[in-house]
Amino acid sequence: MSNGLSGRTALVTGATAGIGYAVALQLAAQGAEVVVHGRDAERGAKTVQDIENAGGRARFVAADLSDADDVRRLADEAGEVDILINNAGIYPVAPTFDTTDADFDAQINVNLRAPYVLVQKLVPGMLARGEGAVVNLSTVAASTPADGAGIYGASKAGLDLLTKSWADEFGARGVRFNAVSPGPTKTAGTADFGPDGIEAMGRTTALGRAADPDEIASAITFLASPAASYINGAILDVDGGRPAIRPVA
């Protein structure tokens, strides 16, 4: 096990599945103690157990990211953290006229407000210690329109701008902010796109396939590590070469 992040504590939201789960395991493998966030205590316990079985350290804190007060409680229970990974997000797909106020509010609250509140609560401690790293999970939908994903894309576009704003506001004081923008990735959430949905999206990339969660997590872990010490304010596309887009066959 590497000790590149030994002595550091990381909070990973949405860490019980998909990309967040992969990030939690990778950060723990680098020596960080991981605060695993999720909504399901059973899945949280399994994530913690998987980390501990691999020789790492972790603990679970449940919270509802759509509730600002619960987000503040999550930050309080996490305590001092050196690394914040704002991974959790929701992306219900619906046409504009079928989107309810509740759907709109939920996406903005989880995808945009929750990271903002966690930064408000946790970054002051990083500033006091003179170092820290925050990595936000973005999406290609923040810059490329996707049918039925306008609110999701808008919420993540807002997070991209906050990432750059925070990088400017806090970078000189030792806290770096970056974001990772994944392309099509095979997760439980994207399985809802249909039996061939995510694979069809993957074929629109220059690599011709969808990503595994570990491939996205590796980029996030890198940006959170000292190896990325001079990277600040970046929105890193980890999309298989999606700008070289080809029509789906």
C-alpha atoms as a PDB file:
ATOM      1  CA  MET A   1       0.000   0.000   0.000  1.00  0.00           C
ATOM      2  CA  SER A   2       1.308   3.447  -0.920  1.00  0.00           C
ATOM      3  CA  ASN A   3       1.624   6.091   1.793  1.00  0.00           C
ATOM      4  CA  GLY A   4       1.479   9.124  -0.495  1.00  0.00           C
ATOM      5  CA  LEU A   5      -1.557  10.445   1.414  1.00  0.00           C
ATOM      6  CA  SER A   6      -0.577   9.124   4.825  1.00  0.00           C
ATOM      7  CA  GLY A   7      -1.776  11.365   7.639  1.00  0.00           C
ATOM      8  CA  ARG A   8      -4.495  12.946   5.523  1.00  0.00           C
ATOM      9  CA  THR A   9      -8.247  12.586   5.907  1.00  0.00           C
ATOM     10  CA  ALA A  10     -10.559  12.602   2.891  1.00  0.00           C
ATOM     11  CA  LEU A  11     -14.322  13.026   2.696  1.00  0.00           C
ATOM     12  CA  VAL A  12     -15.869  11.420  -0.390  1.00  0.00           C
ATOM     13  CA  THR A  13     -19.545  12.077  -1.022  1.00  0.00           C
ATOM     14  CA  GLY A  14     -21.525   9.381  -2.777  1.00  0.00           C
ATOM     15  CA  ALA A  15     -18.820   6.865  -1.890  1.00  0.00           C
ATOM     16  CA  THR A  16     -20.919   3.709  -1.650  1.00  0.00           C
ATOM     17  CA  ALA A  17     -21.119   2.978  -5.379  1.00  0.00           C
ATOM     18  CA  GLY A  18     -19.682   3.779  -8.778  1.00  0.00           C
ATOM     19  CA  ILE A  19     -16.997   6.415  -9.145  1.00  0.00           C
ATOM     20  CA  GLY A  20     -17.206   7.498  -5.508  1.00  0.00           C
ATOM     21  CA  TYR A  21     -16.625   3.952  -4.280  1.00  0.00           C
ATOM     22  CA  ALA A  22     -13.608   3.609  -6.551  1.00  0.00           C
ATOM     23  CA  VAL A  23     -12.220   6.958  -5.346  1.00  0.00           C
ATOM     24  CA  ALA A  24     -12.653   5.951  -1.699  1.00  0.00           C
ATOM     25  CA  LEU A  25     -10.713   2.725  -2.227  1.00  0.00           C
ATOM     26  CA  GLN A  26      -7.953   4.459  -4.172  1.00  0.00           C
ATOM     27  CA  LEU A  27      -7.507   7.239  -1.609  1.00  0.00           C
ATOM     28  CA  ALA A  28      -7.377   4.663   1.184  1.00  0.00           C
ATOM     29  CA  ALA A  29      -4.807   2.663  -0.773  1.00  0.00           C
ATOM     30  CA  GLN A  30      -2.687   5.827  -0.897  1.00  0.00           C
ATOM     31  CA  GLY A  31      -2.791   6.013   2.908  1.00  0.00           C
ATOM     32  CA  ALA A  32      -5.646   8.456   3.561  1.00  0.00           C
ATOM     33  CA  GLU A  33      -8.296   7.863   6.193  1.00  0.00           C
ATOM     34  CA  VAL A  34     -11.574   8.049   4.273  1.00  0.00           C
ATOM     35  CA  VAL A  35     -14.881   9.410   5.515  1.00  0.00           C
ATOM     36  CA  VAL A  36     -17.358   7.489   3.392  1.00  0.00           C
ATOM     37  CA  HIS A  37     -20.600   9.354   2.724  1.00  0.00           C
ATOM     38  CA  GLY A  38     -23.797   7.855   1.417  1.00  0.00           C
ATOM     39  CA  ARG A  39     -27.465   7.469   2.224  1.00  0.00           C
ATOM     40  CA  ASP A  40     -27.594   3.687   2.724  1.00  0.00           C
ATOM     41  CA  ALA A  41     -25.988   2.451   5.948  1.00  0.00           C
ATOM     42  CA  GLU A  42     -25.660  -1.131   4.693  1.00  0.00           C
ATOM     43  CA  ARG A  43     -23.800  -0.074   1.554  1.00  0.00           C
ATOM     44  CA  GLY A  44     -21.741   2.335   3.632  1.00  0.00           C
ATOM     45  CA  ALA A  45     -20.713  -0.441   5.989  1.00  0.00           C
ATOM     46  CA  LYS A  46     -19.708  -2.610   3.039  1.00  0.00           C
ATOM     47  CA  THR A  47     -17.543   0.167   1.585  1.00  0.00           C
ATOM     48  CA  VAL A  48     -15.826   0.658   4.940  1.00  0.00           C
ATOM     49  CA  GLN A  49     -15.302  -3.098   5.252  1.00  0.00           C
ATOM     50  CA  ASP A  50     -13.825  -3.313   1.752  1.00  0.00           C
ATOM     51  CA  ILE A  51     -11.368  -0.531   2.597  1.00  0.00           C
ATOM     52  CA  GLU A  52     -10.408  -2.126   5.896  1.00  0.00           C
ATOM     53  CA  ASN A  53     -10.007  -5.555   4.283  1.00  0.00           C
ATOM     54  CA  ALA A  54      -7.478  -3.946   1.929  1.00  0.00           C
ATOM     55  CA  GLY A  55      -5.545  -2.535   4.892  1.00  0.00           C
ATOM     56  CA  GLY A  56      -7.004   0.981   4.875  1.00  0.00           C
ATOM     57  CA  ARG A  57      -8.940   3.112   7.357  1.00  0.00           C
ATOM     58  CA  ALA A  58     -12.466   4.397   6.886  1.00  0.00           C
ATOM     59  CA  ARG A  59     -15.697   5.343   8.634  1.00  0.00           C
ATOM     60  CA  PHE A  60     -19.205   5.977   7.363  1.00  0.00           C
ATOM     61  CA  VAL A  61     -21.417   9.049   7.784  1.00  0.00           C
ATOM     62  CA  ALA A  62     -24.918   9.090   6.316  1.00  0.00           C
ATOM     63  CA  ALA A  63     -26.478  12.338   5.120  1.00  0.00           C
ATOM     64  CA  ASP A  64     -29.125  13.685   2.770  1.00  0.00           C
ATOM     65  CA  LEU A  65     -27.339  16.130   0.484  1.00  0.00           C
ATOM     66  CA  SER A  66     -30.609  17.717  -0.605  1.00  0.00           C
ATOM     67  CA  ASP A  67     -30.979  19.118   2.944  1.00  0.00           C
ATOM     68  CA  ALA A  68     -28.513  21.936   3.684  1.00  0.00           C
ATOM     69  CA  ASP A  69     -28.721  21.362   7.433  1.00  0.00           C
ATOM     70  CA  ASP A  70     -27.889  17.685   6.962  1.00  0.00           C
ATOM     71  CA  VAL A  71     -24.933  18.672   4.781  1.00  0.00           C
ATOM     72  CA  ARG A  72     -23.666  20.854   7.631  1.00  0.00           C
ATOM     73  CA  ARG A  73     -24.071  17.935  10.027  1.00  0.00           C
ATOM     74  CA  LEU A  74     -22.076  15.749   7.628  1.00  0.00           C
ATOM     75  CA  ALA A  75     -19.266  18.299   7.676  1.00  0.00           C
ATOM     76  CA  ASP A  76     -19.357  18.474  11.477  1.00  0.00           C
ATOM     77  CA  GLU A  77     -19.196  14.688  11.814  1.00  0.00           C
ATOM     78  CA  ALA A  78     -16.439  14.420   9.228  1.00  0.00           C
ATOM     79  CA  GLY A  79     -14.312  16.813  11.286  1.00  0.00           C
ATOM     80  CA  GLU A  80     -11.042  18.133   9.945  1.00  0.00           C
ATOM     81  CA  VAL A  81     -10.438  16.926   6.408  1.00  0.00           C
ATOM     82  CA  ASP A  82      -7.533  17.589   4.084  1.00  0.00           C
ATOM     83  CA  ILE A  83      -9.227  16.326   0.914  1.00  0.00           C
ATOM     84  CA  LEU A  84     -12.822  16.908  -0.146  1.00  0.00           C
ATOM     85  CA  ILE A  85     -14.227  14.961  -3.084  1.00  0.00           C
ATOM     86  CA  ASN A  86     -17.632  16.317  -4.119  1.00  0.00           C
ATOM     87  CA  ASN A  87     -18.629  13.249  -6.090  1.00  0.00           C
ATOM     88  CA  ALA A  88     -22.317  12.720  -5.292  1.00  0.00           C
ATOM     89  CA  GLY A  89     -24.829  13.850  -7.867  1.00  0.00           C
ATOM     90  CA  ILE A  90     -28.255  13.067  -9.254  1.00  0.00           C
ATOM     91  CA  TYR A  91     -29.295  13.207 -12.876  1.00  0.00           C
ATOM     92  CA  PRO A  92     -32.944  12.436 -13.551  1.00  0.00           C
ATOM     93  CA  VAL A  93     -33.555  12.720 -17.281  1.00  0.00           C
ATOM     94  CA  ALA A  94     -36.757  14.477 -18.332  1.00  0.00           C
ATOM     95  CA  PRO A  95     -37.934  16.978 -20.954  1.00  0.00           C
ATOM     96  CA  THR A  96     -38.356  20.563 -19.789  1.00  0.00           C
ATOM     97  CA  PHE A  97     -42.158  20.409 -19.671  1.00  0.00           C
ATOM     98  CA  ASP A  98     -42.064  17.223 -17.594  1.00  0.00           C
ATOM     99  CA  THR A  99     -39.612  18.554 -14.997  1.00  0.00           C
ATOM    100  CA  THR A 100     -41.290  19.348 -11.692  1.00  0.00           C
ATOM    101  CA  ASP A 101     -40.242  21.986  -9.193  1.00  0.00           C
ATOM    102  CA  ALA A 102     -39.142  19.161  -6.894  1.00  0.00           C
ATOM    103  CA  ASP A 103     -36.968  17.649  -9.638  1.00  0.00           C
ATOM    104  CA  PHE A 104     -35.394  21.034 -10.350  1.00  0.00           C
ATOM    105  CA  ASP A 105     -34.725  21.805  -6.691  1.00  0.00           C
ATOM    106  CA  ALA A 106     -33.289  18.365  -5.973  1.00  0.00           C
ATOM    107  CA  GLN A 107     -30.695  18.597  -8.741  1.00  0.00           C
ATOM    108  CA  ILE A 108     -29.607  22.112  -7.803  1.00  0.00           C
ATOM    109  CA  ASN A 109     -29.505  21.266  -4.097  1.00  0.00           C
ATOM    110  CA  VAL A 110     -27.523  18.040  -4.427  1.00  0.00           C
ATOM    111  CA  ASN A 111     -25.278  18.905  -7.366  1.00  0.00           C
ATOM    112  CA  LEU A 112     -24.529  22.551  -6.611  1.00  0.00           C
ATOM    113  CA  ARG A 113     -25.601  23.674  -3.144  1.00  0.00           C
ATOM    114  CA  ALA A 114     -24.217  20.671  -1.242  1.00  0.00           C
ATOM    115  CA  PRO A 115     -20.649  21.168  -2.560  1.00  0.00           C
ATOM    116  CA  TYR A 116     -20.954  24.885  -1.769  1.00  0.00           C
ATOM    117  CA  VAL A 117     -21.999  24.169   1.824  1.00  0.00           C
ATOM    118  CA  LEU A 118     -19.223  21.610   2.303  1.00  0.00           C
ATOM    119  CA  VAL A 119     -16.665  24.116   1.042  1.00  0.00           C
ATOM    120  CA  GLN A 120     -18.044  26.734   3.424  1.00  0.00           C
ATOM    121  CA  LYS A 121     -17.747  24.318   6.346  1.00  0.00           C
ATOM    122  CA  LEU A 122     -14.534  22.421   5.620  1.00  0.00           C
ATOM    123  CA  VAL A 123     -12.222  24.744   3.707  1.00  0.00           C
ATOM    124  CA  PRO A 124     -11.625  27.150   6.621  1.00  0.00           C
ATOM    125  CA  GLY A 125      -9.811  24.318   8.408  1.00  0.00           C
ATOM    126  CA  MET A 126      -7.699  23.649   5.322  1.00  0.00           C
ATOM    127  CA  LEU A 127      -6.821  27.333   5.104  1.00  0.00           C
ATOM    128  CA  ALA A 128      -5.811  27.362   8.760  1.00  0.00           C
ATOM    129  CA  ARG A 129      -3.454  24.433   8.108  1.00  0.00           C
ATOM    130  CA  GLY A 130      -2.170  26.018   4.890  1.00  0.00           C
ATOM    131  CA  GLU A 131      -3.003  23.163   2.536  1.00  0.00           C
ATOM    132  CA  GLY A 132      -5.861  21.143   1.132  1.00  0.00           C
ATOM    133  CA  ALA A 133      -7.376  19.781  -2.058  1.00  0.00           C
ATOM    134  CA  VAL A 134     -10.947  19.808  -3.330  1.00  0.00           C
ATOM    135  CA  VAL A 135     -11.993  17.852  -6.414  1.00  0.00           C
ATOM    136  CA  ASN A 136     -15.489  18.293  -7.818  1.00  0.00           C
ATOM    137  CA  LEU A 137     -17.156  15.827 -10.141  1.00  0.00           C
ATOM    138  CA  SER A 138     -18.414  17.536 -13.274  1.00  0.00           C
ATOM    139  CA  THR A 139     -19.766  16.058 -16.518  1.00  0.00           C
ATOM    140  CA  VAL A 140     -19.500  16.450 -20.258  1.00  0.00           C
ATOM    141  CA  ALA A 141     -23.145  17.571 -20.051  1.00  0.00           C
ATOM    142  CA  ALA A 142     -21.900  20.805 -18.452  1.00  0.00           C
ATOM    143  CA  SER A 143     -20.537  21.909 -21.814  1.00  0.00           C
ATOM    144  CA  THR A 144     -22.373  19.743 -24.353  1.00  0.00           C
ATOM    145  CA  PRO A 145     -26.202  19.693 -24.404  1.00  0.00           C
ATOM    146  CA  ALA A 146     -27.828  16.331 -23.765  1.00  0.00           C
ATOM    147  CA  ASP A 147     -31.498  15.531 -24.301  1.00  0.00           C
ATOM    148  CA  GLY A 148     -33.434  15.782 -21.053  1.00  0.00           C
ATOM    149  CA  ALA A 149     -30.364  16.717 -19.019  1.00  0.00           C
ATOM    150  CA  GLY A 150     -30.556  20.501 -19.150  1.00  0.00           C
ATOM    151  CA  ILE A 151     -30.931  21.052 -15.403  1.00  0.00           C
ATOM    152  CA  TYR A 152     -28.252  18.469 -14.620  1.00  0.00           C
ATOM    153  CA  GLY A 153     -25.878  20.102 -17.092  1.00  0.00           C
ATOM    154  CA  ALA A 154     -26.671  23.572 -15.745  1.00  0.00           C
ATOM    155  CA  SER A 155     -26.015  22.478 -12.169  1.00  0.00           C
ATOM    156  CA  LYS A 156     -22.641  21.029 -13.147  1.00  0.00           C
ATOM    157  CA  ALA A 157     -21.760  24.042 -15.291  1.00  0.00           C
ATOM    158  CA  GLY A 158     -22.344  26.104 -12.160  1.00  0.00           C
ATOM    159  CA  LEU A 159     -20.041  23.773 -10.241  1.00  0.00           C
ATOM    160  CA  ASP A 160     -17.360  24.210 -12.918  1.00  0.00           C
ATOM    161  CA  LEU A 161     -17.501  27.980 -12.473  1.00  0.00           C
ATOM    162  CA  LEU A 162     -17.409  27.644  -8.698  1.00  0.00           C
ATOM    163  CA  THR A 163     -14.360  25.387  -9.060  1.00  0.00           C
ATOM    164  CA  LYS A 164     -12.511  28.097 -10.966  1.00  0.00           C
ATOM    165  CA  SER A 165     -13.741  30.845  -8.641  1.00  0.00           C
ATOM    166  CA  TRP A 166     -12.626  28.926  -5.558  1.00  0.00           C
ATOM    167  CA  ALA A 167      -9.278  28.131  -7.200  1.00  0.00           C
ATOM    168  CA  ASP A 168      -8.732  31.863  -7.602  1.00  0.00           C
ATOM    169  CA  GLU A 169     -10.048  32.739  -4.149  1.00  0.00           C
ATOM    170  CA  PHE A 170      -8.129  30.160  -2.128  1.00  0.00           C
ATOM    171  CA  GLY A 171      -5.252  28.870  -4.280  1.00  0.00           C
ATOM    172  CA  ALA A 172      -2.657  31.332  -2.996  1.00  0.00           C
ATOM    173  CA  ARG A 173      -3.520  30.245   0.538  1.00  0.00           C
ATOM    174  CA  GLY A 174      -2.661  26.612  -0.150  1.00  0.00           C
ATOM    175  CA  VAL A 175      -6.002  25.038  -1.056  1.00  0.00           C
ATOM    176  CA  ARG A 176      -6.345  23.740  -4.612  1.00  0.00           C
ATOM    177  CA  PHE A 177      -9.651  23.290  -6.448  1.00  0.00           C
ATOM    178  CA  ASN A 178     -10.080  21.183  -9.566  1.00  0.00           C
ATOM    179  CA  ALA A 179     -12.809  19.203 -11.279  1.00  0.00           C
ATOM    180  CA  VAL A 180     -12.996  16.023 -13.303  1.00  0.00           C
ATOM    181  CA  SER A 181     -15.441  15.807 -16.199  1.00  0.00           C
ATOM    182  CA  PRO A 182     -16.103  12.155 -17.030  1.00  0.00           C
ATOM    183  CA  GLY A 183     -17.360  10.829 -20.296  1.00  0.00           C
ATOM    184  CA  PRO A 184     -19.667   7.788 -20.497  1.00  0.00           C
ATOM    185  CA  THR A 185     -18.933   5.605 -17.458  1.00  0.00           C
ATOM    186  CA  LYS A 186     -20.312   2.213 -16.471  1.00  0.00           C
ATOM    187  CA  THR A 187     -22.049   2.682 -13.120  1.00  0.00           C
ATOM    188  CA  ALA A 188     -25.299   1.568 -11.503  1.00  0.00           C
ATOM    189  CA  GLY A 189     -26.777   4.968 -12.338  1.00  0.00           C
ATOM    190  CA  THR A 190     -25.941   4.834 -16.021  1.00  0.00           C
ATOM    191  CA  ALA A 191     -27.379   1.316 -16.196  1.00  0.00           C
ATOM    192  CA  ASP A 192     -30.751   3.099 -16.230  1.00  0.00           C
ATOM    193  CA  PHE A 193     -29.912   4.311 -19.730  1.00  0.00           C
ATOM    194  CA  GLY A 194     -30.866   0.868 -21.024  1.00  0.00           C
ATOM    195  CA  PRO A 195     -29.047  -2.382 -21.806  1.00  0.00           C
ATOM    196  CA  ASP A 196     -26.902  -0.815 -24.516  1.00  0.00           C
ATOM    197  CA  GLY A 197     -27.275   2.845 -23.590  1.00  0.00           C
ATOM    198  CA  ILE A 198     -23.930   3.482 -21.931  1.00  0.00           C
ATOM    199  CA  GLU A 199     -22.080   1.281 -24.414  1.00  0.00           C
ATOM    200  CA  ALA A 200     -23.652   3.205 -27.291  1.00  0.00           C
ATOM    201  CA  MET A 201     -22.525   6.456 -25.669  1.00  0.00           C
ATOM    202  CA  GLY A 202     -19.069   4.967 -25.250  1.00  0.00           C
ATOM    203  CA  ARG A 203     -18.867   4.325 -28.958  1.00  0.00           C
ATOM    204  CA  THR A 204     -19.115   8.085 -29.530  1.00  0.00           C
ATOM    205  CA  THR A 205     -15.675   8.553 -27.969  1.00  0.00           C
ATOM    206  CA  ALA A 206     -12.379   8.287 -29.790  1.00  0.00           C
ATOM    207  CA  LEU A 207     -11.544   5.239 -27.652  1.00  0.00           C
ATOM    208  CA  GLY A 208     -14.800   3.633 -28.730  1.00  0.00           C
ATOM    209  CA  ARG A 209     -15.898   2.448 -25.291  1.00  0.00           C
ATOM    210  CA  ALA A 210     -17.329   3.560 -21.963  1.00  0.00           C
ATOM    211  CA  ALA A 211     -15.027   4.023 -18.977  1.00  0.00           C
ATOM    212  CA  ASP A 212     -14.788   1.862 -15.894  1.00  0.00           C
ATOM    213  CA  PRO A 213     -15.232   3.777 -12.596  1.00  0.00           C
ATOM    214  CA  ASP A 214     -11.601   3.095 -11.641  1.00  0.00           C
ATOM    215  CA  GLU A 215     -10.415   5.036 -14.695  1.00  0.00           C
ATOM    216  CA  ILE A 216     -12.289   8.155 -13.606  1.00  0.00           C
ATOM    217  CA  ALA A 217     -11.277   7.636  -9.980  1.00  0.00           C
ATOM    218  CA  SER A 218      -7.589   7.546 -10.930  1.00  0.00           C
ATOM    219  CA  ALA A 219      -7.820  11.084 -12.297  1.00  0.00           C
ATOM    220  CA  ILE A 220      -9.631  12.305  -9.191  1.00  0.00           C
ATOM    221  CA  THR A 221      -7.096  10.656  -6.892  1.00  0.00           C
ATOM    222  CA  PHE A 222      -4.245  12.221  -8.853  1.00  0.00           C
ATOM    223  CA  LEU A 223      -5.725  15.729  -8.564  1.00  0.00           C
ATOM    224  CA  ALA A 224      -6.197  15.216  -4.817  1.00  0.00           C
ATOM    225  CA  SER A 225      -2.593  14.124  -4.343  1.00  0.00           C
ATOM    226  CA  PRO A 226       0.653  16.056  -3.875  1.00  0.00           C
ATOM    227  CA  ALA A 227       1.626  14.904  -7.383  1.00  0.00           C
ATOM    228  CA  ALA A 228      -0.825  17.539  -8.677  1.00  0.00           C
ATOM    229  CA  SER A 229       0.546  20.319  -6.466  1.00  0.00           C
ATOM    230  CA  TYR A 230       0.721  22.881  -9.301  1.00  0.00           C
ATOM    231  CA  ILE A 231      -2.671  22.088 -10.822  1.00  0.00           C
ATOM    232  CA  ASN A 232      -5.375  24.518  -9.736  1.00  0.00           C
ATOM    233  CA  GLY A 233      -8.599  25.604 -11.405  1.00  0.00           C
ATOM    234  CA  ALA A 234      -8.557  22.830 -14.003  1.00  0.00           C
ATOM    235  CA  ILE A 235     -11.600  21.076 -15.427  1.00  0.00           C
ATOM    236  CA  LEU A 236     -10.001  17.815 -16.526  1.00  0.00           C
ATOM    237  CA  ASP A 237     -11.843  15.947 -19.270  1.00  0.00           C
ATOM    238  CA  VAL A 238     -11.604  12.198 -18.713  1.00  0.00           C
ATOM    239  CA  ASP A 239     -13.845  11.327 -21.603  1.00  0.00           C
ATOM    240  CA  GLY A 240     -12.068   8.923 -23.914  1.00  0.00           C
ATOM    241  CA  GLY A 241     -11.524  11.670 -26.476  1.00  0.00           C
ATOM    242  CA  ARG A 242     -15.157  12.726 -26.681  1.00  0.00           C
ATOM    243  CA  PRO A 243     -14.296  16.005 -28.508  1.00  0.00           C
ATOM    244  CA  ALA A 244     -13.344  13.747 -31.415  1.00  0.00           C
ATOM    245  CA  ILE A 245     -16.979  12.680 -31.458  1.00  0.00           C
ATOM    246  CA  ARG A 246     -18.282  10.218 -34.005  1.00  0.00           C
ATOM    247  CA  PRO A 247     -21.911   9.344 -34.760  1.00  0.00           C
ATOM    248  CA  VAL A 248     -23.260   6.339 -32.865  1.00  0.00           C
ATOM    249  CA  ALA A 249     -23.358   3.342 -35.209  1.00  0.00           C
END
